Amino acid sequence: MEALYLLIPLSLIVVAVAVWIFFGASDSGQFDDLDGPALRILHDDDSTRPARH
């Protein structure tokens, strides 16, 4: 029972830090473009043709 006196405030602090980190990342624009990086890898940027031998 004495462990709950330590674990409950500790878990509340951990949750508060996680929420603070999430909202900090959200405010900085971390989650603005979720599709761009996933689709960027599919585009072929090679503008040069391979040399014929």
PDB file of N, CA and C in Angstrom:
ATOM      1  N   MET A   1       0.819  -1.195   0.000  1.00  0.00           N
ATOM      2  CA  MET A   1       0.000   0.000   0.000  1.00  0.00           C
ATOM      3  C   MET A   1       0.864   1.260   0.000  1.00  0.00           C
ATOM      4  N   GLU A   2       2.014   1.171   0.658  1.00  0.00           N
ATOM      5  CA  GLU A   2       2.901   2.336   0.699  1.00  0.00           C
ATOM      6  C   GLU A   2       3.508   2.626  -0.672  1.00  0.00           C
ATOM      7  N   ALA A   3       3.599   1.590  -1.506  1.00  0.00           N
ATOM      8  CA  ALA A   3       4.168   1.789  -2.838  1.00  0.00           C
ATOM      9  C   ALA A   3       3.264   2.668  -3.699  1.00  0.00           C
ATOM     10  N   LEU A   4       1.958   2.622  -3.436  1.00  0.00           N
ATOM     11  CA  LEU A   4       1.036   3.452  -4.213  1.00  0.00           C
ATOM     12  C   LEU A   4       1.257   4.931  -3.956  1.00  0.00           C
ATOM     13  N   TYR A   5       1.714   5.281  -2.766  1.00  0.00           N
ATOM     14  CA  TYR A   5       1.994   6.686  -2.446  1.00  0.00           C
ATOM     15  C   TYR A   5       3.151   7.221  -3.285  1.00  0.00           C
ATOM     16  N   LEU A   6       3.994   6.350  -3.768  1.00  0.00           N
ATOM     17  CA  LEU A   6       5.096   6.743  -4.637  1.00  0.00           C
ATOM     18  C   LEU A   6       4.721   6.584  -6.112  1.00  0.00           C
ATOM     19  N   LEU A   7       4.046   5.486  -6.447  1.00  0.00           N
ATOM     20  CA  LEU A   7       3.800   5.174  -7.844  1.00  0.00           C
ATOM     21  C   LEU A   7       2.740   6.061  -8.494  1.00  0.00           C
ATOM     22  N   ILE A   8       1.709   6.443  -7.755  1.00  0.00           N
ATOM     23  CA  ILE A   8       0.658   7.278  -8.352  1.00  0.00           C
ATOM     24  C   ILE A   8       1.188   8.659  -8.709  1.00  0.00           C
ATOM     25  N   PRO A   9       1.862   9.399  -7.811  1.00  0.00           N
ATOM     26  CA  PRO A   9       2.411  10.694  -8.243  1.00  0.00           C
ATOM     27  C   PRO A   9       3.481  10.552  -9.328  1.00  0.00           C
ATOM     28  N   LEU A  10       4.286   9.497  -9.267  1.00  0.00           N
ATOM     29  CA  LEU A  10       5.305   9.276 -10.285  1.00  0.00           C
ATOM     30  C   LEU A  10       4.680   9.024 -11.658  1.00  0.00           C
ATOM     31  N   SER A  11       3.612   8.241 -11.695  1.00  0.00           N
ATOM     32  CA  SER A  11       2.948   7.986 -12.974  1.00  0.00           C
ATOM     33  C   SER A  11       2.252   9.242 -13.493  1.00  0.00           C
ATOM     34  N   LEU A  12       1.721  10.064 -12.634  1.00  0.00           N
ATOM     35  CA  LEU A  12       1.120  11.322 -13.070  1.00  0.00           C
ATOM     36  C   LEU A  12       2.173  12.265 -13.647  1.00  0.00           C
ATOM     37  N   ILE A  13       3.352  12.258 -13.068  1.00  0.00           N
ATOM     38  CA  ILE A  13       4.440  13.088 -13.592  1.00  0.00           C
ATOM     39  C   ILE A  13       4.879  12.575 -14.969  1.00  0.00           C
ATOM     40  N   VAL A  14       4.972  11.272 -15.137  1.00  0.00           N
ATOM     41  CA  VAL A  14       5.375  10.690 -16.420  1.00  0.00           C
ATOM     42  C   VAL A  14       4.335  11.006 -17.495  1.00  0.00           C
ATOM     43  N   VAL A  15       3.053  10.909 -17.160  1.00  0.00           N
ATOM     44  CA  VAL A  15       1.990  11.227 -18.115  1.00  0.00           C
ATOM     45  C   VAL A  15       2.033  12.709 -18.477  1.00  0.00           C
ATOM     46  N   ALA A  16       2.262  13.573 -17.497  1.00  0.00           N
ATOM     47  CA  ALA A  16       2.335  15.010 -17.770  1.00  0.00           C
ATOM     48  C   ALA A  16       3.511  15.340 -18.688  1.00  0.00           C
ATOM     49  N   VAL A  17       4.648  14.691 -18.482  1.00  0.00           N
ATOM     50  CA  VAL A  17       5.808  14.918 -19.347  1.00  0.00           C
ATOM     51  C   VAL A  17       5.527  14.410 -20.761  1.00  0.00           C
ATOM     52  N   ALA A  18       4.867  13.265 -20.893  1.00  0.00           N
ATOM     53  CA  ALA A  18       4.541  12.731 -22.222  1.00  0.00           C
ATOM     54  C   ALA A  18       3.574  13.645 -22.960  1.00  0.00           C
ATOM     55  N   VAL A  19       2.578  14.176 -22.267  1.00  0.00           N
ATOM     56  CA  VAL A  19       1.631  15.104 -22.895  1.00  0.00           C
ATOM     57  C   VAL A  19       2.343  16.388 -23.281  1.00  0.00           C
ATOM     58  N   TRP A  20       3.241  16.877 -22.442  1.00  0.00           N
ATOM     59  CA  TRP A  20       3.997  18.096 -22.742  1.00  0.00           C
ATOM     60  C   TRP A  20       4.878  17.913 -23.979  1.00  0.00           C
ATOM     61  N   ILE A  21       5.527  16.752 -24.095  1.00  0.00           N
ATOM     62  CA  ILE A  21       6.363  16.462 -25.268  1.00  0.00           C
ATOM     63  C   ILE A  21       5.499  16.356 -26.520  1.00  0.00           C
ATOM     64  N   PHE A  22       4.332  15.705 -26.415  1.00  0.00           N
ATOM     65  CA  PHE A  22       3.452  15.567 -27.575  1.00  0.00           C
ATOM     66  C   PHE A  22       2.972  16.925 -28.062  1.00  0.00           C
ATOM     67  N   PHE A  23       2.507  17.777 -27.159  1.00  0.00           N
ATOM     68  CA  PHE A  23       2.011  19.083 -27.582  1.00  0.00           C
ATOM     69  C   PHE A  23       3.146  19.988 -28.047  1.00  0.00           C
ATOM     70  N   GLY A  24       4.335  19.810 -27.516  1.00  0.00           N
ATOM     71  CA  GLY A  24       5.483  20.558 -28.017  1.00  0.00           C
ATOM     72  C   GLY A  24       5.826  20.169 -29.440  1.00  0.00           C
ATOM     73  N   ALA A  25       5.766  18.881 -29.742  1.00  0.00           N
ATOM     74  CA  ALA A  25       6.028  18.424 -31.106  1.00  0.00           C
ATOM     75  C   ALA A  25       4.910  18.847 -32.041  1.00  0.00           C
ATOM     76  N   SER A  26       3.697  18.845 -31.554  1.00  0.00           N
ATOM     77  CA  SER A  26       2.565  19.252 -32.379  1.00  0.00           C
ATOM     78  C   SER A  26       2.611  20.745 -32.695  1.00  0.00           C
ATOM     79  N   ASP A  27       2.999  21.561 -31.740  1.00  0.00           N
ATOM     80  CA  ASP A  27       3.090  23.006 -31.969  1.00  0.00           C
ATOM     81  C   ASP A  27       4.240  23.372 -32.898  1.00  0.00           C
ATOM     82  N   SER A  28       5.296  22.569 -32.916  1.00  0.00           N
ATOM     83  CA  SER A  28       6.448  22.887 -33.751  1.00  0.00           C
ATOM     84  C   SER A  28       6.262  22.435 -35.196  1.00  0.00           C
ATOM     85  N   GLY A  29       5.130  21.785 -35.514  1.00  0.00           N
ATOM     86  CA  GLY A  29       4.861  21.370 -36.884  1.00  0.00           C
ATOM     87  C   GLY A  29       5.368  19.981 -37.209  1.00  0.00           C
ATOM     88  N   GLN A  30       5.614  19.179 -36.218  1.00  0.00           N
ATOM     89  CA  GLN A  30       6.141  17.832 -36.428  1.00  0.00           C
ATOM     90  C   GLN A  30       5.162  16.960 -37.213  1.00  0.00           C
ATOM     91  N   PHE A  31       3.871  17.174 -37.031  1.00  0.00           N
ATOM     92  CA  PHE A  31       2.859  16.306 -37.635  1.00  0.00           C
ATOM     93  C   PHE A  31       2.092  16.997 -38.749  1.00  0.00           C
ATOM     94  N   ASP A  32       2.651  18.036 -39.366  1.00  0.00           N
ATOM     95  CA  ASP A  32       1.939  18.772 -40.402  1.00  0.00           C
ATOM     96  C   ASP A  32       1.820  17.977 -41.693  1.00  0.00           C
ATOM     97  N   ASP A  33       2.880  17.374 -42.159  1.00  0.00           N
ATOM     98  CA  ASP A  33       2.867  16.655 -43.429  1.00  0.00           C
ATOM     99  C   ASP A  33       3.209  15.196 -43.171  1.00  0.00           C
ATOM    100  N   LEU A  34       2.185  14.374 -43.028  1.00  0.00           N
ATOM    101  CA  LEU A  34       2.423  12.965 -42.752  1.00  0.00           C
ATOM    102  C   LEU A  34       2.565  12.138 -44.027  1.00  0.00           C
ATOM    103  N   ASP A  35       2.006  12.612 -45.145  1.00  0.00           N
ATOM    104  CA  ASP A  35       2.044  11.829 -46.380  1.00  0.00           C
ATOM    105  C   ASP A  35       3.238  12.158 -47.258  1.00  0.00           C
ATOM    106  N   GLY A  36       3.792  13.334 -47.147  1.00  0.00           N
ATOM    107  CA  GLY A  36       4.881  13.754 -48.021  1.00  0.00           C
ATOM    108  C   GLY A  36       6.110  12.866 -47.968  1.00  0.00           C
ATOM    109  N   PRO A  37       6.681  12.613 -46.786  1.00  0.00           N
ATOM    110  CA  PRO A  37       7.871  11.755 -46.743  1.00  0.00           C
ATOM    111  C   PRO A  37       7.601  10.322 -47.190  1.00  0.00           C
ATOM    112  N   ALA A  38       6.392   9.822 -46.966  1.00  0.00           N
ATOM    113  CA  ALA A  38       6.079   8.457 -47.384  1.00  0.00           C
ATOM    114  C   ALA A  38       5.976   8.352 -48.895  1.00  0.00           C
ATOM    115  N   LEU A  39       5.469   9.393 -49.543  1.00  0.00           N
ATOM    116  CA  LEU A  39       5.329   9.358 -50.999  1.00  0.00           C
ATOM    117  C   LEU A  39       6.595   9.807 -51.712  1.00  0.00           C
ATOM    118  N   ARG A  40       7.441  10.569 -51.043  1.00  0.00           N
ATOM    119  CA  ARG A  40       8.657  11.085 -51.674  1.00  0.00           C
ATOM    120  C   ARG A  40       9.597   9.961 -52.073  1.00  0.00           C
ATOM    121  N   ILE A  41       9.605   8.871 -51.331  1.00  0.00           N
ATOM    122  CA  ILE A  41      10.516   7.777 -51.646  1.00  0.00           C
ATOM    123  C   ILE A  41      10.072   7.037 -52.908  1.00  0.00           C
ATOM    124  N   LEU A  42       8.804   7.161 -53.278  1.00  0.00           N
ATOM    125  CA  LEU A  42       8.309   6.464 -54.463  1.00  0.00           C
ATOM    126  C   LEU A  42       8.627   7.192 -55.758  1.00  0.00           C
ATOM    127  N   HIS A  43       8.925   8.474 -55.685  1.00  0.00           N
ATOM    128  CA  HIS A  43       9.228   9.246 -56.892  1.00  0.00           C
ATOM    129  C   HIS A  43      10.677   9.013 -57.316  1.00  0.00           C
ATOM    130  N   ASP A  44      10.857   8.801 -58.589  1.00  0.00           N
ATOM    131  CA  ASP A  44      12.186   8.572 -59.126  1.00  0.00           C
ATOM    132  C   ASP A  44      12.800   9.906 -59.512  1.00  0.00           C
ATOM    133  N   ASP A  45      13.921  10.297 -58.867  1.00  0.00           N
ATOM    134  CA  ASP A  45      14.511  11.604 -59.177  1.00  0.00           C
ATOM    135  C   ASP A  45      15.668  11.507 -60.161  1.00  0.00           C
ATOM    136  N   ASP A  46      15.922  10.356 -60.698  1.00  0.00           N
ATOM    137  CA  ASP A  46      17.023  10.237 -61.649  1.00  0.00           C
ATOM    138  C   ASP A  46      16.633  10.911 -62.960  1.00  0.00           C
ATOM    139  N   SER A  47      17.267  12.036 -63.246  1.00  0.00           N
ATOM    140  CA  SER A  47      16.955  12.751 -64.484  1.00  0.00           C
ATOM    141  C   SER A  47      17.928  12.394 -65.602  1.00  0.00           C
ATOM    142  N   THR A  48      18.964  11.648 -65.290  1.00  0.00           N
ATOM    143  CA  THR A  48      19.938  11.249 -66.320  1.00  0.00           C
ATOM    144  C   THR A  48      19.617   9.835 -66.779  1.00  0.00           C
ATOM    145  N   ARG A  49      19.862   9.619 -68.056  1.00  0.00           N
ATOM    146  CA  ARG A  49      19.638   8.288 -68.621  1.00  0.00           C
ATOM    147  C   ARG A  49      20.900   7.453 -68.456  1.00  0.00           C
ATOM    148  N   PRO A  50      20.753   6.172 -68.309  1.00  0.00           N
ATOM    149  CA  PRO A  50      21.942   5.332 -68.218  1.00  0.00           C
ATOM    150  C   PRO A  50      22.720   5.326 -69.531  1.00  0.00           C
ATOM    151  N   ALA A  51      24.019   5.253 -69.453  1.00  0.00           N
ATOM    152  CA  ALA A  51      24.875   5.261 -70.644  1.00  0.00           C
ATOM    153  C   ALA A  51      24.789   3.902 -71.339  1.00  0.00           C
ATOM    154  N   ARG A  52      24.750   3.947 -72.681  1.00  0.00           N
ATOM    155  CA  ARG A  52      24.734   2.706 -73.450  1.00  0.00           C
ATOM    156  C   ARG A  52      26.167   2.281 -73.746  1.00  0.00           C
ATOM    157  N   HIS A  53      26.423   1.001 -73.598  1.00  0.00           N
ATOM    158  CA  HIS A  53      27.790   0.508 -73.849  1.00  0.00           C
ATOM    159  C   HIS A  53      27.823  -0.374 -75.052  1.00  0.00           C
TER     160      HIS A  53
END
